[in-house]
Amino acid sequence: MSIRKLRLLYVCMIAFCACLVYAVSSGIRSNLALLLQPIMLNSGVTYSQISFVLALGQLVYGLVQPLFAYLALKKSYGFMLTLSCLLMFSGLFATPFCTSVTSLTVFLGILFHAGTGGTCFGLMMAVATPALGLARATAVSGFVNAGTGVGSMFLCPFMNVLNSNFGIQTTMMTLSGLTLIIIPVSLWLSNRKQVISTAEDIDIGIERSSFLSALHDRTFIIMLLSFATCGFHMSILQTHLYSQFISYGITDNVATLSYSLIGISTMIGAVLCGFCYRVFSLKNVLGTVYMLRAVAALAFIFLMPKTVLSVILFSLCVGLTCDATVSPTSEIIRNRFGIKMLGILFGCAFIFHQLGSFLSSNVAGLIVDKTQSYDLLWSIDIILCMLASFSVYALGREKAHHRTSKTFAGTVSTAN
């Protein structure tokens, strides 16, 4: 086998391993809603109590990411990923034995979601990038980001079949076993030989390597606020869109199909995004994604008739943009501040994402209760997406701080 083929195989193996770890953790986390009723019946908690547990888990998921990134810098990425898998295992394994909201909060709300935070997209790319090199990591990030859709596509029916035939205890123990299986995969991934030299890393990130200086950086502030907008938007899709479709007279089967289409188009959008910013600048790709969200929402909510066809078209459009903001955001942060700061700073960005999601969940309930309509909620989302788009586009006006002699695809301030 030629050296070129061996290198390609090596890159594919790293991409597959990173995608596998991310797919398992995010796939389980994003499909826990399927197990709400069985968990409630098994533990004896109410719907509001289990909702609180999962809401707390969303906040924990965002808050622990910079902590795990700091732990990785002090220890190693192998230690961080192993600890994350063990936390997921303990949380899932203990859940069937929880008989109160307190124990459920500790194991499912805190331990499990803390473990998933240690295997988030930003940290997985921080693990894989040194072994891939900057140019390859740019393309691979799209495939890793698609892991969410891949995990949901396979784990959703798998969890349904397990629960229907064997019950919640067997289901949770089987899922906990999956988190142990990915430990050796994580260790292999974290122990790959680094191909990025120290000089390259310093050249890209030394001027902004300080966390405090990043907090005063205009680019990073825009990334924080735009990612909060992303969280606001995604919470509407995940929490309220199904009920909104039903309120239009759409049948349950079509509404369920629309969610499946969102999952499929999410994978396609994540991969396409990875290829796009090998051709176009990152800020243009990210700004366009936010603008597409605003245009799609504006067309569906205020211009299109609420029919089966319009629901399907809208689902496909929003699905393409669901995870398409993650890779460009992490790449912009990495290009500006360096690989060593990626985990911590992207973790901070994800905290803002989760805060936006938390705000959206609360505001949406109040708006729908008061107005009996989703129009005002979507109007706010459209305005926020447009503001995020214009702000990201404006990044090109800044002076480039980290130009190098090599031209990397997707540099923030590089014109097309």
Protein backbone atom coordinates (compact mmCIF):
# COMPACT_ATOMS: atom_id res chain seq x y z
CA MET A 1 0.00 0.00 0.00
CA SER A 2 1.35 3.42 -0.95
CA ILE A 3 2.20 6.09 1.61
CA ARG A 4 -0.63 8.29 0.30
CA LYS A 5 -3.19 5.52 0.85
CA LEU A 6 -1.83 4.83 4.32
CA ARG A 7 -2.16 8.51 5.22
CA LEU A 8 -5.72 8.57 3.89
CA LEU A 9 -6.57 5.46 5.92
CA TYR A 10 -5.04 7.04 9.01
CA VAL A 11 -7.11 10.20 8.58
CA CYS A 12 -10.27 8.13 8.02
CA MET A 13 -9.61 6.12 11.19
CA ILE A 14 -9.18 9.25 13.29
CA ALA A 15 -12.32 10.79 11.79
CA PHE A 16 -14.28 7.58 12.39
CA CYS A 17 -13.15 7.25 16.01
CA ALA A 18 -13.92 10.89 16.82
CA CYS A 19 -17.31 10.58 15.11
CA LEU A 20 -18.08 7.32 16.96
CA VAL A 21 -17.37 8.74 20.42
CA TYR A 22 -19.36 11.89 19.67
CA ALA A 23 -22.22 9.90 18.08
CA VAL A 24 -22.65 7.64 21.12
CA SER A 25 -22.62 10.43 23.72
CA SER A 26 -24.72 12.94 21.77
CA GLY A 27 -27.04 10.25 20.41
CA ILE A 28 -27.98 9.03 23.89
CA ARG A 29 -28.31 12.56 25.27
CA SER A 30 -30.49 13.87 22.44
CA ASN A 31 -32.87 10.88 22.56
CA LEU A 32 -33.52 10.72 26.30
CA ALA A 33 -36.97 12.20 25.62
CA LEU A 34 -37.96 8.77 24.26
CA LEU A 35 -37.46 7.29 27.73
CA LEU A 36 -39.22 9.95 29.81
CA GLN A 37 -42.38 7.94 30.48
CA PRO A 38 -40.54 4.71 31.41
CA ILE A 39 -38.19 6.62 33.71
CA MET A 40 -41.14 8.38 35.34
CA LEU A 41 -42.99 5.12 35.95
CA ASN A 42 -39.87 3.40 37.23
CA SER A 43 -38.74 6.15 39.61
CA GLY A 44 -42.15 7.50 40.63
CA VAL A 45 -41.37 11.13 39.75
CA THR A 46 -43.76 13.54 38.04
CA TYR A 47 -43.44 15.02 34.57
CA SER A 48 -42.43 18.42 35.95
CA GLN A 49 -39.74 16.78 38.08
CA ILE A 50 -38.20 14.81 35.22
CA SER A 51 -38.37 17.96 33.09
CA PHE A 52 -36.39 19.79 35.76
CA VAL A 53 -33.80 17.00 35.81
CA LEU A 54 -33.26 17.22 32.05
CA ALA A 55 -33.26 21.03 32.08
CA LEU A 56 -30.57 20.96 34.76
CA GLY A 57 -28.69 18.44 32.64
CA GLN A 58 -28.62 20.86 29.71
CA LEU A 59 -27.00 23.52 31.89
CA VAL A 60 -24.52 21.01 33.33
CA TYR A 61 -23.64 19.90 29.80
CA GLY A 62 -22.59 23.42 28.90
CA LEU A 63 -20.96 24.38 32.19
CA VAL A 64 -18.58 21.42 32.46
CA GLN A 65 -17.04 21.77 28.99
CA PRO A 66 -14.45 24.43 29.88
CA LEU A 67 -13.70 22.51 33.08
CA PHE A 68 -12.96 19.35 31.11
CA ALA A 69 -10.85 21.36 28.69
CA TYR A 70 -8.81 22.72 31.60
CA LEU A 71 -8.51 19.18 32.99
CA ALA A 72 -7.20 17.97 29.64
CA LEU A 73 -4.51 20.66 29.64
CA LYS A 74 -3.43 19.75 33.17
CA LYS A 75 -3.65 15.96 32.76
CA SER A 76 -4.25 14.59 29.27
CA TYR A 77 -7.02 14.15 26.73
CA GLY A 78 -6.98 10.42 27.39
CA PHE A 79 -7.66 11.01 31.08
CA MET A 80 -10.42 13.50 30.25
CA LEU A 81 -12.21 11.17 27.81
CA THR A 82 -11.94 8.16 30.12
CA LEU A 83 -13.39 10.15 33.02
CA SER A 84 -16.19 11.39 30.76
CA CYS A 85 -17.11 7.85 29.70
CA LEU A 86 -17.09 6.64 33.31
CA LEU A 87 -19.39 9.50 34.34
CA MET A 88 -21.81 8.62 31.54
CA PHE A 89 -21.67 4.96 32.54
CA SER A 90 -22.37 5.62 36.22
CA GLY A 91 -25.22 8.00 35.43
CA LEU A 92 -26.97 5.65 33.01
CA PHE A 93 -26.34 2.48 35.04
CA ALA A 94 -27.76 3.98 38.25
CA THR A 95 -30.82 5.63 36.67
CA PRO A 96 -33.09 2.52 36.80
CA PHE A 97 -32.39 2.24 40.53
CA CYS A 98 -33.32 5.86 41.31
CA THR A 99 -36.55 6.16 43.30
CA SER A 100 -36.62 9.90 44.00
CA VAL A 101 -36.11 13.16 42.17
CA THR A 102 -32.96 13.77 44.24
CA SER A 103 -31.20 10.59 43.16
CA LEU A 104 -32.38 11.06 39.58
CA THR A 105 -30.98 14.59 39.60
CA VAL A 106 -27.59 13.38 40.82
CA PHE A 107 -27.15 10.47 38.42
CA LEU A 108 -29.10 11.39 35.29
CA GLY A 109 -29.14 15.17 35.58
CA ILE A 110 -25.56 15.77 36.77
CA LEU A 111 -23.27 12.75 36.32
CA PHE A 112 -24.52 11.60 32.92
CA HIS A 113 -24.73 15.07 31.38
CA ALA A 114 -21.35 16.00 32.84
CA GLY A 115 -19.90 12.98 31.05
CA THR A 116 -21.45 14.00 27.74
CA GLY A 117 -19.97 17.47 28.21
CA GLY A 118 -16.50 15.91 28.21
CA THR A 119 -17.14 14.36 24.80
CA CYS A 120 -18.69 17.43 23.15
CA PHE A 121 -17.79 18.46 19.61
CA GLY A 122 -15.28 21.14 20.60
CA LEU A 123 -13.30 18.81 22.82
CA MET A 124 -13.40 15.95 20.30
CA MET A 125 -11.94 18.26 17.66
CA ALA A 126 -9.34 19.48 20.16
CA VAL A 127 -8.31 15.83 20.58
CA ALA A 128 -8.28 15.00 16.86
CA THR A 129 -6.79 18.19 15.37
CA PRO A 130 -3.17 17.75 16.58
CA ALA A 131 -3.03 14.33 14.92
CA LEU A 132 -4.72 15.45 11.71
CA GLY A 133 -3.13 18.81 11.05
CA LEU A 134 -5.00 22.05 10.58
CA ALA A 135 -5.96 21.62 6.92
CA ARG A 136 -7.32 18.08 7.31
CA ALA A 137 -9.11 18.93 10.56
CA THR A 138 -11.12 21.59 8.76
CA ALA A 139 -12.74 18.99 6.48
CA VAL A 140 -12.95 16.24 9.11
CA SER A 141 -14.82 18.51 11.52
CA GLY A 142 -17.87 18.35 9.25
CA PHE A 143 -17.97 14.56 9.50
CA VAL A 144 -17.45 14.61 13.27
CA ASN A 145 -20.21 17.17 13.64
CA ALA A 146 -22.51 14.86 11.67
CA GLY A 147 -22.07 12.37 14.51
CA THR A 148 -25.10 13.85 16.26
CA GLY A 149 -27.35 12.92 13.36
CA VAL A 150 -25.69 9.53 12.94
CA GLY A 151 -26.11 8.74 16.63
CA SER A 152 -29.75 9.78 16.61
CA MET A 153 -30.50 7.83 13.44
CA PHE A 154 -29.23 4.55 14.90
CA LEU A 155 -29.83 4.96 18.63
CA CYS A 156 -33.40 6.27 18.36
CA PRO A 157 -34.90 3.01 16.97
CA PHE A 158 -32.42 0.96 19.03
CA MET A 159 -33.60 2.55 22.28
CA ASN A 160 -37.25 2.14 21.29
CA VAL A 161 -36.84 -1.56 20.53
CA LEU A 162 -34.89 -2.20 23.73
CA ASN A 163 -37.42 -0.44 25.93
CA SER A 164 -40.44 -2.02 24.25
CA ASN A 165 -39.10 -5.57 24.55
CA PHE A 166 -36.91 -5.59 27.65
CA GLY A 167 -37.88 -2.58 29.79
CA ILE A 168 -36.13 0.50 31.08
CA GLN A 169 -33.59 -1.31 33.28
CA THR A 170 -32.14 -3.37 30.43
CA THR A 171 -32.24 -0.34 28.14
CA MET A 172 -30.26 1.90 30.48
CA MET A 173 -27.72 -0.83 31.27
CA THR A 174 -27.21 -1.53 27.57
CA LEU A 175 -26.68 2.16 26.88
CA SER A 176 -24.24 2.36 29.79
CA GLY A 177 -22.34 -0.54 28.22
CA LEU A 178 -21.94 1.48 25.02
CA THR A 179 -20.17 4.21 26.98
CA LEU A 180 -17.61 1.66 28.21
CA ILE A 181 -17.00 0.34 24.71
CA ILE A 182 -15.89 3.76 23.49
CA ILE A 183 -13.21 4.07 26.20
CA PRO A 184 -10.53 2.15 24.23
CA VAL A 185 -11.54 4.10 21.12
CA SER A 186 -11.06 7.34 23.05
CA LEU A 187 -7.66 6.24 24.36
CA TRP A 188 -6.44 5.29 20.88
CA LEU A 189 -7.63 8.62 19.53
CA SER A 190 -5.98 10.67 22.27
CA ASN A 191 -2.62 8.88 21.93
CA ARG A 192 -2.07 9.60 18.23
CA LYS A 193 1.21 11.18 17.18
CA GLN A 194 0.91 14.94 16.80
CA VAL A 195 1.67 16.37 13.36
CA ILE A 196 1.30 20.03 14.35
CA SER A 197 4.55 21.51 15.57
CA THR A 198 4.79 23.78 18.56
CA ALA A 199 5.86 26.60 16.28
CA GLU A 200 2.65 26.35 14.26
CA ASP A 201 0.52 26.37 17.38
CA ILE A 202 2.35 29.37 18.79
CA ASP A 203 2.17 31.21 15.48
CA ILE A 204 -1.59 30.92 15.47
CA GLY A 205 -2.45 31.44 19.09
CA ILE A 206 0.30 33.01 21.13
CA GLU A 207 -1.02 36.56 20.99
CA ARG A 208 -4.43 35.53 22.32
CA SER A 209 -3.51 32.52 24.42
CA SER A 210 -4.73 34.21 27.58
CA PHE A 211 -8.28 33.41 28.57
CA LEU A 212 -8.80 36.89 29.99
CA SER A 213 -7.65 38.57 26.79
CA ALA A 214 -10.07 36.39 24.81
CA LEU A 215 -12.95 37.75 26.87
CA HIS A 216 -12.11 41.23 25.59
CA ASP A 217 -11.68 40.15 21.98
CA ARG A 218 -14.41 41.38 19.62
CA THR A 219 -14.40 38.20 17.53
CA PHE A 220 -14.83 35.97 20.57
CA ILE A 221 -17.63 38.15 21.97
CA ILE A 222 -19.47 37.89 18.64
CA MET A 223 -18.99 34.10 18.71
CA LEU A 224 -20.48 33.96 22.21
CA LEU A 225 -23.55 36.04 21.35
CA SER A 226 -24.17 34.39 17.98
CA PHE A 227 -23.90 30.93 19.56
CA ALA A 228 -26.43 32.00 22.20
CA THR A 229 -28.73 32.85 19.28
CA CYS A 230 -28.09 29.35 17.94
CA GLY A 231 -29.21 27.90 21.27
CA PHE A 232 -32.34 30.04 21.23
CA HIS A 233 -33.19 28.81 17.73
CA MET A 234 -32.46 25.13 18.39
CA SER A 235 -34.57 25.07 21.54
CA ILE A 236 -37.60 26.14 19.50
CA LEU A 237 -37.04 23.29 17.06
CA GLN A 238 -36.42 20.65 19.71
CA THR A 239 -39.13 21.71 22.16
CA HIS A 240 -41.98 23.46 20.35
CA LEU A 241 -41.90 22.69 16.63
CA TYR A 242 -43.72 19.35 16.94
CA SER A 243 -46.60 20.93 18.87
CA GLN A 244 -46.65 23.81 16.41
CA PHE A 245 -47.08 21.42 13.49
CA ILE A 246 -49.95 19.69 15.30
CA SER A 247 -51.62 23.07 15.93
CA TYR A 248 -51.67 23.62 12.15
CA GLY A 249 -53.72 20.45 11.70
CA ILE A 250 -50.75 18.35 10.59
CA THR A 251 -51.14 14.68 11.56
CA ASP A 252 -48.89 12.96 14.10
CA ASN A 253 -47.35 10.77 11.40
CA VAL A 254 -46.36 13.73 9.24
CA ALA A 255 -45.01 15.62 12.26
CA THR A 256 -42.94 12.58 13.22
CA LEU A 257 -41.72 12.24 9.63
CA SER A 258 -40.69 15.89 9.66
CA TYR A 259 -38.45 15.27 12.67
CA SER A 260 -36.85 12.32 10.90
CA LEU A 261 -36.20 14.55 7.90
CA ILE A 262 -34.62 17.14 10.18
CA GLY A 263 -32.25 14.47 11.51
CA ILE A 264 -31.26 13.29 8.03
CA SER A 265 -30.76 16.79 6.66
CA THR A 266 -28.76 17.69 9.78
CA MET A 267 -26.15 15.10 8.82
CA ILE A 268 -26.08 16.35 5.24
CA GLY A 269 -25.78 19.96 6.35
CA ALA A 270 -22.92 19.22 8.74
CA VAL A 271 -20.90 17.45 6.04
CA LEU A 272 -21.64 20.13 3.42
CA CYS A 273 -20.57 22.79 5.88
CA GLY A 274 -17.23 21.04 6.34
CA PHE A 275 -16.59 21.18 2.60
CA CYS A 276 -17.89 24.73 2.19
CA TYR A 277 -15.34 26.35 4.44
CA ARG A 278 -12.54 24.67 2.56
CA VAL A 279 -13.63 26.92 -0.32
CA PHE A 280 -15.19 29.95 1.40
CA SER A 281 -14.11 31.88 4.46
CA LEU A 282 -15.47 30.70 7.79
CA LYS A 283 -17.19 33.97 8.63
CA ASN A 284 -19.09 33.91 5.32
CA VAL A 285 -20.22 30.31 5.83
CA LEU A 286 -21.34 30.97 9.40
CA GLY A 287 -23.06 34.25 8.53
CA THR A 288 -24.91 32.56 5.67
CA VAL A 289 -26.12 29.76 7.93
CA TYR A 290 -27.68 32.25 10.35
CA MET A 291 -29.24 34.16 7.45
CA LEU A 292 -30.69 30.94 5.97
CA ARG A 293 -32.34 30.21 9.32
CA ALA A 294 -33.97 33.63 9.32
CA VAL A 295 -35.12 33.35 5.70
CA ALA A 296 -36.52 29.83 6.17
CA ALA A 297 -38.44 30.83 9.30
CA LEU A 298 -39.75 34.02 7.70
CA ALA A 299 -40.97 32.17 4.61
CA PHE A 300 -42.66 29.34 6.52
CA ILE A 301 -44.26 31.31 9.35
CA PHE A 302 -45.48 34.36 7.45
CA LEU A 303 -45.58 33.55 3.73
CA MET A 304 -46.27 29.86 3.07
CA PRO A 305 -49.57 27.99 3.59
CA LYS A 306 -49.37 25.45 6.39
CA THR A 307 -49.60 22.26 4.35
CA VAL A 308 -47.82 18.91 4.43
CA LEU A 309 -45.54 20.04 1.61
CA SER A 310 -44.55 23.28 3.35
CA VAL A 311 -43.88 21.41 6.61
CA ILE A 312 -41.61 18.94 4.83
CA LEU A 313 -39.76 21.69 2.95
CA PHE A 314 -39.30 23.71 6.13
CA SER A 315 -38.04 20.65 8.02
CA LEU A 316 -35.46 19.94 5.32
CA CYS A 317 -34.29 23.56 5.27
CA VAL A 318 -33.91 24.01 9.02
CA GLY A 319 -32.31 20.57 9.30
CA LEU A 320 -29.52 21.60 6.94
CA THR A 321 -28.60 24.43 9.32
CA CYS A 322 -29.10 22.66 12.67
CA ASP A 323 -25.49 21.65 13.34
CA ALA A 324 -23.95 23.80 10.61
CA THR A 325 -22.98 26.55 13.09
CA VAL A 326 -20.89 24.30 15.33
CA SER A 327 -17.93 23.58 13.05
CA PRO A 328 -17.42 27.16 11.78
CA THR A 329 -17.70 28.55 15.31
CA SER A 330 -15.09 26.14 16.67
CA GLU A 331 -12.82 26.71 13.66
CA ILE A 332 -12.98 30.50 14.04
CA ILE A 333 -12.06 30.18 17.71
CA ARG A 334 -9.25 27.74 16.93
CA ASN A 335 -7.80 29.86 14.12
CA ARG A 336 -7.81 32.95 16.28
CA PHE A 337 -6.65 31.61 19.64
CA GLY A 338 -4.83 28.36 18.91
CA ILE A 339 -5.50 24.68 19.49
CA LYS A 340 -4.59 24.71 23.18
CA MET A 341 -7.28 27.28 23.92
CA LEU A 342 -9.93 25.66 21.71
CA GLY A 343 -11.44 23.37 24.33
CA ILE A 344 -11.76 26.04 27.01
CA LEU A 345 -13.02 28.83 24.75
CA PHE A 346 -15.44 26.66 22.78
CA GLY A 347 -16.69 25.33 26.11
CA CYS A 348 -17.42 28.92 27.15
CA ALA A 349 -19.21 29.47 23.84
CA PHE A 350 -21.34 26.41 24.47
CA ILE A 351 -22.30 27.74 27.90
CA PHE A 352 -23.77 30.73 26.08
CA HIS A 353 -25.47 28.32 23.66
CA GLN A 354 -27.13 26.52 26.57
CA LEU A 355 -28.10 29.80 28.22
CA GLY A 356 -29.78 30.83 24.98
CA SER A 357 -31.56 27.48 24.92
CA PHE A 358 -32.67 27.86 28.53
CA LEU A 359 -33.95 31.39 27.85
CA SER A 360 -35.82 30.24 24.75
CA SER A 361 -37.56 27.41 26.61
CA ASN A 362 -38.85 29.76 29.28
CA VAL A 363 -39.76 32.68 27.02
CA ALA A 364 -41.49 30.41 24.49
CA GLY A 365 -43.81 28.97 27.11
CA LEU A 366 -44.83 32.43 28.30
CA ILE A 367 -45.38 33.75 24.77
CA VAL A 368 -47.47 30.79 23.62
CA ASP A 369 -49.56 30.86 26.81
CA LYS A 370 -50.24 34.59 26.44
CA THR A 371 -50.79 34.86 22.68
CA GLN A 372 -51.85 31.29 21.77
CA SER A 373 -49.58 31.69 18.77
CA TYR A 374 -45.98 30.98 17.79
CA ASP A 375 -45.62 34.04 15.54
CA LEU A 376 -44.07 36.36 18.13
CA LEU A 377 -41.61 33.67 19.21
CA TRP A 378 -40.46 33.12 15.64
CA SER A 379 -40.29 36.87 15.04
CA ILE A 380 -37.81 37.19 17.90
CA ASP A 381 -35.83 34.26 16.51
CA ILE A 382 -35.74 35.78 13.01
CA ILE A 383 -34.45 39.11 14.34
CA LEU A 384 -31.78 37.40 16.45
CA CYS A 385 -30.62 35.23 13.55
CA MET A 386 -30.34 38.26 11.26
CA LEU A 387 -28.37 40.19 13.89
CA ALA A 388 -26.06 37.20 14.35
CA SER A 389 -25.60 36.94 10.59
CA PHE A 390 -24.70 40.61 10.12
CA SER A 391 -22.34 40.52 13.12
CA VAL A 392 -20.47 37.48 11.81
CA TYR A 393 -20.23 38.96 8.30
CA ALA A 394 -18.69 42.08 9.87
CA LEU A 395 -15.76 40.05 11.20
CA GLY A 396 -14.07 40.51 7.82
CA ARG A 397 -13.56 44.20 8.57
CA GLU A 398 -11.24 43.44 11.45
CA LYS A 399 -7.50 43.44 11.09
CA ALA A 400 -6.12 39.92 10.91
CA HIS A 401 -4.15 39.07 14.05
CA HIS A 402 -2.97 35.64 13.09
CA ARG A 403 -1.97 35.51 9.46
CA THR A 404 0.75 33.02 8.71
CA SER A 405 2.81 32.29 5.66
CA LYS A 406 0.59 29.29 5.05
CA THR A 407 -2.95 29.94 3.92
CA PHE A 408 -5.39 27.80 5.84
CA ALA A 409 -8.84 27.27 4.41
CA GLY A 410 -11.42 29.12 6.42
CA THR A 411 -9.36 31.85 8.07
CA VAL A 412 -11.71 34.30 9.74
CA SER A 413 -10.54 37.47 8.07
CA THR A 414 -9.54 36.09 4.68
CA ALA A 415 -11.67 37.26 1.78
CA ASN A 416 -12.98 34.74 -0.71
